[in-house]
Amino acid sequence: MSDKKAGVLLHPSSLPSGKLDEQAWRFLDWMVQANLSIWQMLPLTHPVQGLSPYQSVSAFAMNPALLPGNWLEMMNEADFHAFEQDPPHWLNDYVLFMSLRQHFKMTSWETWPEAYRYRDFDALSVFSETHADEIQFLKKQQFVLNQIWQSLKDSAHEKGISLFGDMPIFVAYDSVDVWANPHLFKLDENLNPTVVTGVPPDYFSETGQRWGNPHYDWQEMQKDGFQWWHHRIQSDLSLFDLIRIDHFRGLESSWEIAVEEPTAVNGQWVKVPGELFLDSLQQAFPKLPLVAEDLGIITPEVTALKDRYHLPGMSVLQFGFNGLPDNPHALSEQVENSVVYTGTHDNDTSLGWWESLEDNEYKDWVLSQLPHPEEPMPWPLIEAAFQSVANLAMVPMQDFLSLGNLDRMNTPGTVENNWTWQFKWDQVTPEITEKIAGLVKNSGREITQESAVL
């Protein structure tokens, strides 16, 4: 990742239609006009409940909610037959799991009758036969989603645009991944988690964060050369040109919390065979286009693991103005092999962040470090990101549109009003598009023939 590029962070659900329809292609055309060459998005996977793509029923299947209304008309029966004859390795487990889930009124698989919970072969065979139409429908959804996505990816590449995906490190307990592969997770004889994920108490939370995902049994995964992970990486590489691994520090050690603990206070760091795992990935995928999400409190061991594989890390400019030395988010501490953001999907919008600052002297100090401080926020912050030495500069769509707090994508620790934001095309004025294009060009990040796709 040596060429300088600029991009936009926008999940497909935030398109005006919220679908993978003509709006997605229109967005690609707009990106070309704005000189933007990277489209970053959140996980495309199917949420367990609600709308968060970070808790999914499958680490592989795409979200059917992204299908356009006329998707069944897009079916090519001959191609679908070929797809059925040589399905992705995860497909049959996924469609069976989802059909069972619907049958049991969307309850978690841990509550299903024992025969289904423990995957009794005869019981599952009978169920598959009696629910064949449902299962076929679910297969068609995934087939069409993949067809649409590959067409979109081809169009992006033709326009010199790369697609940048996001991979949560952990998977949900109520997922086909755990149901179909219980031996790969730390579960007891009743298939319940013995320990769950989270992070310990810190400056932001006295009790830490108890996420509740099951932990991987890394020793078991190591026995077959981390094949489940290889499948996962291969699947995402078929969709994206670049992949961000969320909570990368979990590949060095993970915070394990006993399942009966109500908070994350009483946990422990448990080492993970990160080097063996990443070595195996590097052998299988010589060009490993990964970005390490290394935000938060990062130890020297985590940094060493990231650097050993020359993985770009992240910096967020909203975190860069605390005045402390060695702040990796500060403009003066940026490095080339990294991705700089004005903010992420978990941050307030940059305008919302700016308006939340009450100290005028502090705001003046921040502006004194930014280019063109006379411009209205968030443009000085956007320009600072583009002028950074970081090879990739990413800006959420809300920042390009100068939107405030009400338009943020997600507020961590809350469950309402998240993941629903969508922009409207009348917000995207020619003046904004021209301004972005000019800033990108002036920072040497515009699309070129030589560096069109990562």
Protein backbone atom coordinates (compact mmCIF):
# COMPACT_ATOMS: atom_id res chain seq x y z
CA MET A 1 0.00 0.00 0.00
CA SER A 2 2.43 2.63 -1.27
CA ASP A 3 0.34 4.90 -3.53
CA LYS A 4 -1.46 7.81 -1.91
CA LYS A 5 -5.22 7.54 -2.23
CA ALA A 6 -8.33 9.18 -0.83
CA GLY A 7 -11.64 7.56 -0.15
CA VAL A 8 -15.06 7.67 1.45
CA LEU A 9 -16.56 5.61 4.27
CA LEU A 10 -20.18 4.72 3.49
CA HIS A 11 -22.03 1.49 4.16
CA PRO A 12 -24.35 0.41 1.30
CA SER A 13 -27.29 0.63 3.72
CA SER A 14 -26.57 4.39 3.87
CA LEU A 15 -27.23 4.83 0.15
CA PRO A 16 -30.52 6.69 -0.46
CA SER A 17 -32.27 3.38 -1.20
CA GLY A 18 -30.32 1.35 1.34
CA LYS A 19 -29.99 -1.32 -1.38
CA LEU A 20 -27.48 -2.65 -3.87
CA ASP A 21 -29.40 -1.15 -6.76
CA GLU A 22 -28.69 1.59 -9.29
CA GLN A 23 -27.87 3.92 -6.40
CA ALA A 24 -24.64 1.96 -5.79
CA TRP A 25 -23.55 2.51 -9.39
CA ARG A 26 -24.51 6.17 -9.17
CA PHE A 27 -22.33 6.42 -6.06
CA LEU A 28 -19.36 5.01 -8.02
CA ASP A 29 -19.91 7.67 -10.69
CA TRP A 30 -19.98 10.36 -8.02
CA MET A 31 -16.73 9.05 -6.56
CA VAL A 32 -15.04 9.43 -9.94
CA GLN A 33 -16.26 13.03 -10.16
CA ALA A 34 -14.90 13.65 -6.64
CA ASN A 35 -11.52 12.01 -7.42
CA LEU A 36 -12.09 9.40 -4.70
CA SER A 37 -10.59 5.97 -5.35
CA ILE A 38 -11.45 3.91 -2.22
CA TRP A 39 -14.96 2.96 -1.10
CA GLN A 40 -14.86 1.67 2.46
CA MET A 41 -17.85 0.06 4.11
CA LEU A 42 -18.91 -1.87 7.21
CA PRO A 43 -19.33 -5.69 7.17
CA LEU A 44 -21.81 -6.83 4.52
CA THR A 45 -22.97 -9.70 6.71
CA HIS A 46 -26.47 -10.53 7.97
CA PRO A 47 -27.19 -9.07 11.47
CA VAL A 48 -28.36 -11.43 14.22
CA GLN A 49 -30.98 -8.94 15.35
CA GLY A 50 -31.44 -5.23 14.85
CA LEU A 51 -29.18 -3.65 12.28
CA SER A 52 -25.60 -3.91 13.61
CA PRO A 53 -23.38 -5.61 11.02
CA TYR A 54 -20.87 -6.37 13.79
CA GLN A 55 -23.06 -9.15 15.26
CA SER A 56 -23.99 -11.44 12.39
CA VAL A 57 -25.63 -14.81 11.92
CA SER A 58 -22.81 -15.74 9.55
CA ALA A 59 -19.26 -14.54 8.99
CA PHE A 60 -19.74 -15.35 5.29
CA ALA A 61 -23.32 -14.78 4.09
CA MET A 62 -24.30 -11.33 2.82
CA ASN A 63 -27.25 -9.39 4.23
CA PRO A 64 -30.45 -10.08 2.22
CA ALA A 65 -31.75 -6.65 3.28
CA LEU A 66 -29.35 -5.22 0.68
CA LEU A 67 -31.20 -6.94 -2.17
CA PRO A 68 -33.15 -4.63 -4.49
CA GLY A 69 -36.91 -5.15 -4.71
CA ASN A 70 -36.74 -6.82 -8.14
CA TRP A 71 -33.95 -9.25 -7.24
CA LEU A 72 -35.82 -12.40 -8.27
CA GLU A 73 -35.99 -11.03 -11.82
CA MET A 74 -32.19 -11.08 -11.85
CA MET A 75 -32.08 -14.87 -11.47
CA ASN A 76 -30.26 -16.75 -14.19
CA GLU A 77 -31.39 -20.36 -13.67
CA ALA A 78 -28.45 -21.90 -15.53
CA ASP A 79 -25.92 -19.93 -13.49
CA PHE A 80 -27.82 -20.69 -10.29
CA HIS A 81 -27.73 -24.40 -11.08
CA ALA A 82 -23.94 -24.19 -11.45
CA PHE A 83 -23.78 -22.29 -8.15
CA GLU A 84 -25.77 -25.06 -6.45
CA GLN A 85 -23.56 -27.78 -7.90
CA ASP A 86 -20.39 -26.09 -6.63
CA PRO A 87 -21.56 -23.95 -3.67
CA PRO A 88 -19.36 -21.85 -1.40
CA HIS A 89 -18.21 -24.06 1.49
CA TRP A 90 -20.46 -22.19 3.97
CA LEU A 91 -23.68 -22.05 1.98
CA ASN A 92 -25.43 -25.31 2.93
CA ASP A 93 -24.84 -24.83 6.66
CA TYR A 94 -26.05 -21.23 6.42
CA VAL A 95 -29.33 -21.92 4.61
CA LEU A 96 -30.12 -24.84 6.93
CA PHE A 97 -29.33 -22.71 9.98
CA MET A 98 -31.51 -19.83 8.76
CA SER A 99 -34.39 -22.13 7.89
CA LEU A 100 -34.21 -23.68 11.37
CA ARG A 101 -34.00 -20.21 12.88
CA GLN A 102 -37.18 -19.15 11.09
CA HIS A 103 -38.88 -22.40 12.08
CA PHE A 104 -38.08 -21.77 15.75
CA LYS A 105 -39.31 -18.16 15.59
CA MET A 106 -35.82 -16.57 15.47
CA THR A 107 -34.77 -17.97 18.84
CA SER A 108 -31.10 -18.67 19.51
CA TRP A 109 -29.90 -22.13 18.45
CA GLU A 110 -28.99 -22.96 22.06
CA THR A 111 -32.76 -23.21 22.79
CA TRP A 112 -33.56 -25.56 19.90
CA PRO A 113 -34.45 -29.21 20.51
CA GLU A 114 -31.40 -31.32 21.22
CA ALA A 115 -31.39 -33.08 17.84
CA TYR A 116 -31.01 -29.76 16.02
CA ARG A 117 -28.74 -28.19 18.61
CA TYR A 118 -26.28 -31.08 18.34
CA ARG A 119 -26.75 -31.40 14.56
CA ASP A 120 -28.14 -34.92 14.46
CA PHE A 121 -27.68 -36.06 10.85
CA ASP A 122 -31.04 -37.79 10.46
CA ALA A 123 -33.01 -34.94 12.03
CA LEU A 124 -31.32 -32.37 9.81
CA SER A 125 -31.87 -34.50 6.69
CA VAL A 126 -35.60 -34.77 7.37
CA PHE A 127 -35.83 -31.05 8.11
CA SER A 128 -34.00 -30.21 4.86
CA GLU A 129 -36.47 -32.29 2.85
CA THR A 130 -39.58 -30.82 4.48
CA HIS A 131 -38.26 -27.24 4.14
CA ALA A 132 -36.71 -27.58 0.69
CA ASP A 133 -38.54 -24.56 -0.80
CA GLU A 134 -37.40 -22.25 2.01
CA ILE A 135 -33.84 -23.48 1.73
CA GLN A 136 -33.88 -22.98 -2.03
CA PHE A 137 -35.13 -19.41 -1.57
CA LEU A 138 -32.30 -18.63 0.86
CA LYS A 139 -29.77 -20.01 -1.61
CA LYS A 140 -31.20 -17.80 -4.36
CA GLN A 141 -30.80 -14.73 -2.14
CA GLN A 142 -27.12 -15.42 -1.62
CA PHE A 143 -26.59 -16.25 -5.29
CA VAL A 144 -28.13 -12.98 -6.50
CA LEU A 145 -26.34 -10.94 -3.82
CA ASN A 146 -23.02 -12.35 -4.98
CA GLN A 147 -23.86 -11.73 -8.65
CA ILE A 148 -24.78 -8.11 -7.94
CA TRP A 149 -21.69 -7.58 -5.81
CA GLN A 150 -19.29 -9.02 -8.38
CA SER A 151 -20.85 -6.80 -11.04
CA LEU A 152 -20.45 -3.77 -8.76
CA LYS A 153 -16.86 -4.72 -8.01
CA ASP A 154 -16.10 -5.02 -11.75
CA SER A 155 -17.65 -1.59 -12.35
CA ALA A 156 -15.61 -0.12 -9.51
CA HIS A 157 -12.38 -1.52 -10.93
CA GLU A 158 -13.21 -0.19 -14.39
CA LYS A 159 -13.47 3.27 -12.82
CA GLY A 160 -10.23 2.91 -10.85
CA ILE A 161 -12.00 2.40 -7.52
CA SER A 162 -11.03 -0.17 -4.89
CA LEU A 163 -13.45 -1.70 -2.38
CA PHE A 164 -12.41 -1.72 1.28
CA GLY A 165 -14.23 -4.11 3.63
CA ASP A 166 -14.40 -4.62 7.38
CA MET A 167 -13.99 -7.92 9.26
CA PRO A 168 -15.02 -8.15 12.93
CA ILE A 169 -12.47 -10.36 14.68
CA PHE A 170 -15.09 -12.22 16.75
CA VAL A 171 -18.34 -13.88 15.68
CA ALA A 172 -21.71 -13.96 17.42
CA TYR A 173 -22.61 -16.97 19.55
CA ASP A 174 -26.03 -17.18 17.88
CA SER A 175 -24.44 -17.80 14.49
CA VAL A 176 -24.06 -20.63 12.04
CA ASP A 177 -20.30 -20.36 12.55
CA VAL A 178 -20.54 -21.53 16.17
CA TRP A 179 -23.44 -23.94 15.57
CA ALA A 180 -21.63 -25.71 12.72
CA ASN A 181 -18.13 -25.58 14.29
CA PRO A 182 -18.55 -25.82 18.08
CA HIS A 183 -15.13 -27.49 18.43
CA LEU A 184 -13.46 -24.24 17.29
CA PHE A 185 -14.84 -22.27 20.25
CA LYS A 186 -14.46 -22.43 24.03
CA LEU A 187 -17.75 -24.12 24.86
CA ASP A 188 -18.77 -26.58 27.57
CA GLU A 189 -20.40 -30.01 27.07
CA ASN A 190 -23.80 -28.27 26.69
CA LEU A 191 -22.37 -26.06 23.93
CA ASN A 192 -22.55 -22.94 26.07
CA PRO A 193 -19.60 -20.50 26.19
CA THR A 194 -17.24 -20.87 29.15
CA VAL A 195 -15.65 -17.46 28.55
CA VAL A 196 -16.75 -14.42 26.55
CA THR A 197 -15.04 -11.48 24.87
CA GLY A 198 -14.61 -7.88 25.94
CA VAL A 199 -12.02 -5.33 27.03
CA PRO A 200 -10.97 -4.43 30.58
CA PRO A 201 -11.80 -1.22 32.47
CA ASP A 202 -10.11 1.89 31.10
CA TYR A 203 -10.39 5.67 31.04
CA PHE A 204 -13.72 5.44 29.20
CA SER A 205 -15.42 2.74 31.28
CA GLU A 206 -15.03 1.76 34.93
CA THR A 207 -16.36 -1.74 34.28
CA GLY A 208 -14.84 -2.28 30.84
CA GLN A 209 -16.88 -3.68 27.98
CA ARG A 210 -18.41 -7.15 28.06
CA TRP A 211 -19.18 -7.94 24.42
CA GLY A 212 -20.32 -11.50 25.04
CA ASN A 213 -18.97 -13.20 21.90
CA PRO A 214 -17.54 -16.69 22.41
CA HIS A 215 -13.76 -17.01 22.31
CA TYR A 216 -11.94 -19.06 19.70
CA ASP A 217 -10.16 -22.22 20.74
CA TRP A 218 -6.96 -21.21 18.98
CA GLN A 219 -5.16 -24.45 19.83
CA GLU A 220 -7.92 -26.40 18.11
CA MET A 221 -7.84 -24.04 15.13
CA GLN A 222 -4.10 -24.52 14.86
CA LYS A 223 -4.50 -28.28 14.33
CA ASP A 224 -5.78 -27.91 10.77
CA GLY A 225 -3.70 -24.85 9.93
CA PHE A 226 -6.45 -22.33 10.77
CA GLN A 227 -8.62 -23.52 7.88
CA TRP A 228 -11.79 -21.75 9.10
CA TRP A 229 -9.91 -18.45 9.06
CA HIS A 230 -8.41 -19.19 5.64
CA HIS A 231 -11.93 -19.73 4.29
CA ARG A 232 -13.01 -16.45 5.90
CA ILE A 233 -10.13 -14.45 4.43
CA GLN A 234 -10.64 -16.05 0.99
CA SER A 235 -14.35 -15.20 1.11
CA ASP A 236 -13.70 -11.56 1.96
CA LEU A 237 -10.96 -11.27 -0.66
CA SER A 238 -13.54 -12.33 -3.26
CA LEU A 239 -15.57 -9.26 -2.24
CA PHE A 240 -12.94 -6.65 -1.39
CA ASP A 241 -9.54 -5.36 -2.44
CA LEU A 242 -8.58 -4.40 1.09
CA ILE A 243 -9.81 -5.70 4.48
CA ARG A 244 -9.71 -4.05 7.91
CA ILE A 245 -9.45 -6.49 10.83
CA ASP A 246 -11.48 -5.00 13.66
CA HIS A 247 -9.87 -5.33 17.15
CA PHE A 248 -6.54 -6.47 15.70
CA ARG A 249 -5.04 -6.56 19.18
CA GLY A 250 -7.12 -9.71 19.72
CA LEU A 251 -4.66 -11.56 17.47
CA GLU A 252 -1.91 -11.00 20.07
CA SER A 253 -3.96 -11.63 23.22
CA SER A 254 -7.64 -11.47 24.11
CA TRP A 255 -9.49 -10.41 27.26
CA GLU A 256 -11.34 -13.48 28.51
CA ILE A 257 -14.24 -13.04 30.95
CA ALA A 258 -15.84 -15.98 32.73
CA VAL A 259 -19.36 -16.33 31.35
CA GLU A 260 -20.98 -15.84 34.78
CA GLU A 261 -19.27 -12.44 35.29
CA PRO A 262 -21.74 -9.57 34.69
CA THR A 263 -19.04 -7.05 33.68
CA ALA A 264 -15.59 -7.08 32.12
CA VAL A 265 -13.80 -6.19 35.39
CA ASN A 266 -12.77 -9.72 36.31
CA GLY A 267 -11.05 -11.05 33.25
CA GLN A 268 -7.59 -11.93 32.03
CA TRP A 269 -5.43 -11.46 28.97
CA VAL A 270 -4.86 -14.79 27.23
CA LYS A 271 -2.16 -15.12 24.58
CA VAL A 272 -3.15 -15.95 21.00
CA PRO A 273 -0.80 -17.65 18.47
CA GLY A 274 -0.94 -14.56 16.28
CA GLU A 275 2.41 -15.09 14.57
CA LEU A 276 1.63 -18.68 13.60
CA PHE A 277 -1.79 -17.60 12.37
CA LEU A 278 -0.54 -14.65 10.31
CA ASP A 279 2.37 -16.73 8.96
CA SER A 280 -0.18 -19.25 7.69
CA LEU A 281 -2.20 -16.48 6.05
CA GLN A 282 0.87 -15.00 4.42
CA GLN A 283 1.79 -18.38 2.95
CA ALA A 284 -1.73 -18.92 1.63
CA PHE A 285 -2.21 -15.32 0.42
CA PRO A 286 1.21 -13.85 -0.51
CA LYS A 287 -0.32 -10.43 -1.11
CA LEU A 288 -2.26 -10.01 2.11
CA PRO A 289 -4.16 -6.70 1.83
CA LEU A 290 -5.03 -6.24 5.52
CA VAL A 291 -5.36 -3.13 7.67
CA ALA A 292 -4.99 -3.50 11.44
CA GLU A 293 -7.59 -1.65 13.51
CA ASP A 294 -5.18 -0.70 16.29
CA LEU A 295 -7.17 1.96 18.12
CA GLY A 296 -7.32 2.15 21.91
CA ILE A 297 -4.63 1.06 24.34
CA ILE A 298 -2.12 -0.90 22.27
CA THR A 299 0.83 -2.73 23.81
CA PRO A 300 4.34 -2.97 22.30
CA GLU A 301 3.62 -6.66 21.57
CA VAL A 302 0.60 -5.75 19.44
CA THR A 303 2.61 -3.10 17.58
CA ALA A 304 5.41 -5.63 16.98
CA LEU A 305 2.90 -8.13 15.55
CA LYS A 306 1.47 -5.51 13.21
CA ASP A 307 4.91 -4.34 12.11
CA ARG A 308 6.22 -7.88 11.57
CA TYR A 309 3.73 -8.23 8.72
CA HIS A 310 4.01 -4.60 7.57
CA LEU A 311 0.30 -4.07 8.16
CA PRO A 312 -0.99 -0.49 8.02
CA GLY A 313 -2.57 0.75 11.24
CA MET A 314 -5.12 3.52 11.80
CA SER A 315 -5.21 7.04 13.13
CA VAL A 316 -8.27 9.20 13.77
CA LEU A 317 -7.82 12.97 13.66
CA GLN A 318 -10.62 13.58 16.16
CA PHE A 319 -8.34 11.87 18.72
CA GLY A 320 -5.28 13.85 17.66
CA PHE A 321 -5.60 17.03 19.68
CA ASN A 322 -5.03 16.14 23.33
CA GLY A 323 -1.61 17.83 23.38
CA LEU A 324 0.11 14.73 24.77
CA PRO A 325 3.48 13.64 23.33
CA ASP A 326 3.58 10.59 21.05
CA ASN A 327 -0.17 10.69 20.37
CA PRO A 328 -0.37 8.42 17.28
CA HIS A 329 -3.42 10.35 16.04
CA ALA A 330 -1.72 13.76 16.06
CA LEU A 331 -0.91 15.29 12.69
CA SER A 332 2.78 15.40 13.61
CA GLU A 333 2.83 11.66 14.39
CA GLN A 334 1.29 10.33 11.17
CA VAL A 335 3.22 7.60 9.32
CA GLU A 336 3.10 6.56 5.67
CA ASN A 337 2.04 2.93 6.14
CA SER A 338 -1.30 3.80 7.71
CA VAL A 339 -4.88 4.89 7.10
CA VAL A 340 -5.87 8.29 8.48
CA TYR A 341 -9.52 9.09 9.17
CA THR A 342 -11.29 12.28 10.17
CA GLY A 343 -13.60 9.97 12.17
CA THR A 344 -15.04 6.46 11.96
CA HIS A 345 -18.51 4.94 12.05
CA ASP A 346 -18.26 4.80 15.86
CA ASN A 347 -17.35 8.49 16.21
CA ASP A 348 -19.56 11.51 16.16
CA THR A 349 -19.45 13.29 12.82
CA SER A 350 -16.54 15.73 12.65
CA LEU A 351 -18.93 18.68 12.76
CA GLY A 352 -20.74 17.10 15.72
CA TRP A 353 -17.40 16.56 17.46
CA TRP A 354 -16.37 20.16 16.80
CA GLU A 355 -19.66 21.59 18.05
CA SER A 356 -19.35 19.54 21.25
CA LEU A 357 -16.11 21.34 22.18
CA GLU A 358 -16.96 24.15 24.58
CA ASP A 359 -13.54 25.68 25.21
CA ASN A 360 -12.96 28.42 22.62
CA GLU A 361 -9.26 28.67 23.43
CA TYR A 362 -8.88 24.96 22.82
CA LYS A 363 -10.78 25.26 19.53
CA ASP A 364 -8.48 28.09 18.46
CA TRP A 365 -5.48 25.88 19.30
CA VAL A 366 -6.89 23.04 17.21
CA LEU A 367 -7.55 25.36 14.26
CA SER A 368 -4.01 26.73 14.48
CA GLN A 369 -2.73 23.26 13.50
CA LEU A 370 -5.04 22.80 10.53
CA PRO A 371 -4.79 24.05 6.96
CA HIS A 372 -7.14 26.90 6.03
CA PRO A 373 -8.57 27.38 9.54
CA GLU A 374 -10.81 30.12 8.20
CA GLU A 375 -12.88 27.48 6.38
CA PRO A 376 -15.99 26.13 8.19
CA MET A 377 -15.58 22.80 9.92
CA PRO A 378 -15.12 20.01 8.98
CA TRP A 379 -13.23 21.13 5.85
CA PRO A 380 -9.96 22.01 7.65
CA LEU A 381 -9.97 18.52 9.19
CA ILE A 382 -10.71 16.87 5.83
CA GLU A 383 -7.89 18.80 4.17
CA ALA A 384 -5.54 17.85 7.02
CA ALA A 385 -6.35 14.18 6.42
CA PHE A 386 -5.65 14.54 2.69
CA GLN A 387 -2.36 16.35 3.39
CA SER A 388 -1.23 13.72 5.87
CA VAL A 389 1.76 11.52 5.02
CA ALA A 390 -0.54 8.49 5.49
CA ASN A 391 -0.96 6.52 2.28
CA LEU A 392 -4.74 6.25 2.64
CA ALA A 393 -6.99 9.11 3.77
CA MET A 394 -10.59 8.13 4.52
CA VAL A 395 -13.52 10.46 5.23
CA PRO A 396 -17.05 9.42 6.29
CA MET A 397 -19.70 10.63 3.86
CA GLN A 398 -21.30 12.65 6.68
CA ASP A 399 -18.14 14.75 6.94
CA PHE A 400 -18.10 15.49 3.21
CA LEU A 401 -21.69 16.69 3.62
CA SER A 402 -20.88 18.77 6.75
CA LEU A 403 -23.52 16.94 8.78
CA GLY A 404 -23.85 17.17 12.57
CA ASN A 405 -24.52 14.93 15.54
CA LEU A 406 -27.97 13.77 14.41
CA ASP A 407 -26.42 12.10 11.38
CA ARG A 408 -23.83 9.89 13.07
CA MET A 409 -23.88 6.20 12.17
CA ASN A 410 -23.42 4.60 15.58
CA THR A 411 -23.08 5.56 19.23
CA PRO A 412 -21.27 2.71 21.02
CA GLY A 413 -23.01 1.49 24.17
CA THR A 414 -26.46 2.48 22.91
CA VAL A 415 -29.07 0.49 20.99
CA GLU A 416 -31.40 3.11 19.54
CA ASN A 417 -31.03 5.24 16.40
CA ASN A 418 -27.95 3.38 15.19
CA TRP A 419 -27.07 2.01 11.73
CA THR A 420 -30.02 3.74 10.03
CA TRP A 421 -28.47 6.88 8.52
CA GLN A 422 -28.92 7.47 4.79
CA PHE A 423 -27.85 10.41 2.68
CA LYS A 424 -29.94 12.11 -0.02
CA TRP A 425 -28.61 13.05 -3.41
CA ASP A 426 -29.83 16.65 -3.07
CA GLN A 427 -27.30 17.00 -0.22
CA VAL A 428 -24.48 16.21 -2.63
CA THR A 429 -24.16 19.52 -4.46
CA PRO A 430 -21.87 20.13 -7.44
CA GLU A 431 -19.96 22.59 -5.25
CA ILE A 432 -19.19 19.90 -2.66
CA THR A 433 -18.13 17.41 -5.34
CA GLU A 434 -15.86 19.99 -6.98
CA LYS A 435 -14.35 20.97 -3.64
CA ILE A 436 -13.52 17.36 -2.76
CA ALA A 437 -12.02 16.76 -6.20
CA GLY A 438 -9.81 19.82 -5.86
CA LEU A 439 -8.57 18.87 -2.39
CA VAL A 440 -7.81 15.33 -3.54
CA LYS A 441 -5.89 16.57 -6.59
CA ASN A 442 -3.91 19.13 -4.58
CA SER A 443 -2.85 16.42 -2.13
CA GLY A 444 -1.62 14.11 -4.90
CA ARG A 445 -4.24 11.42 -4.17
CA GLU A 446 -6.28 11.44 -7.38
CA ILE A 447 -7.02 8.32 -9.42
CA THR A 448 -4.29 7.51 -11.93
CA GLN A 449 -4.05 4.84 -14.62
CA GLU A 450 -0.98 3.30 -12.95
CA SER A 451 -2.42 2.98 -9.43
CA ALA A 452 -6.09 2.50 -10.22
CA VAL A 453 -6.78 -0.53 -8.04
CA LEU A 454 -4.97 -1.69 -4.89
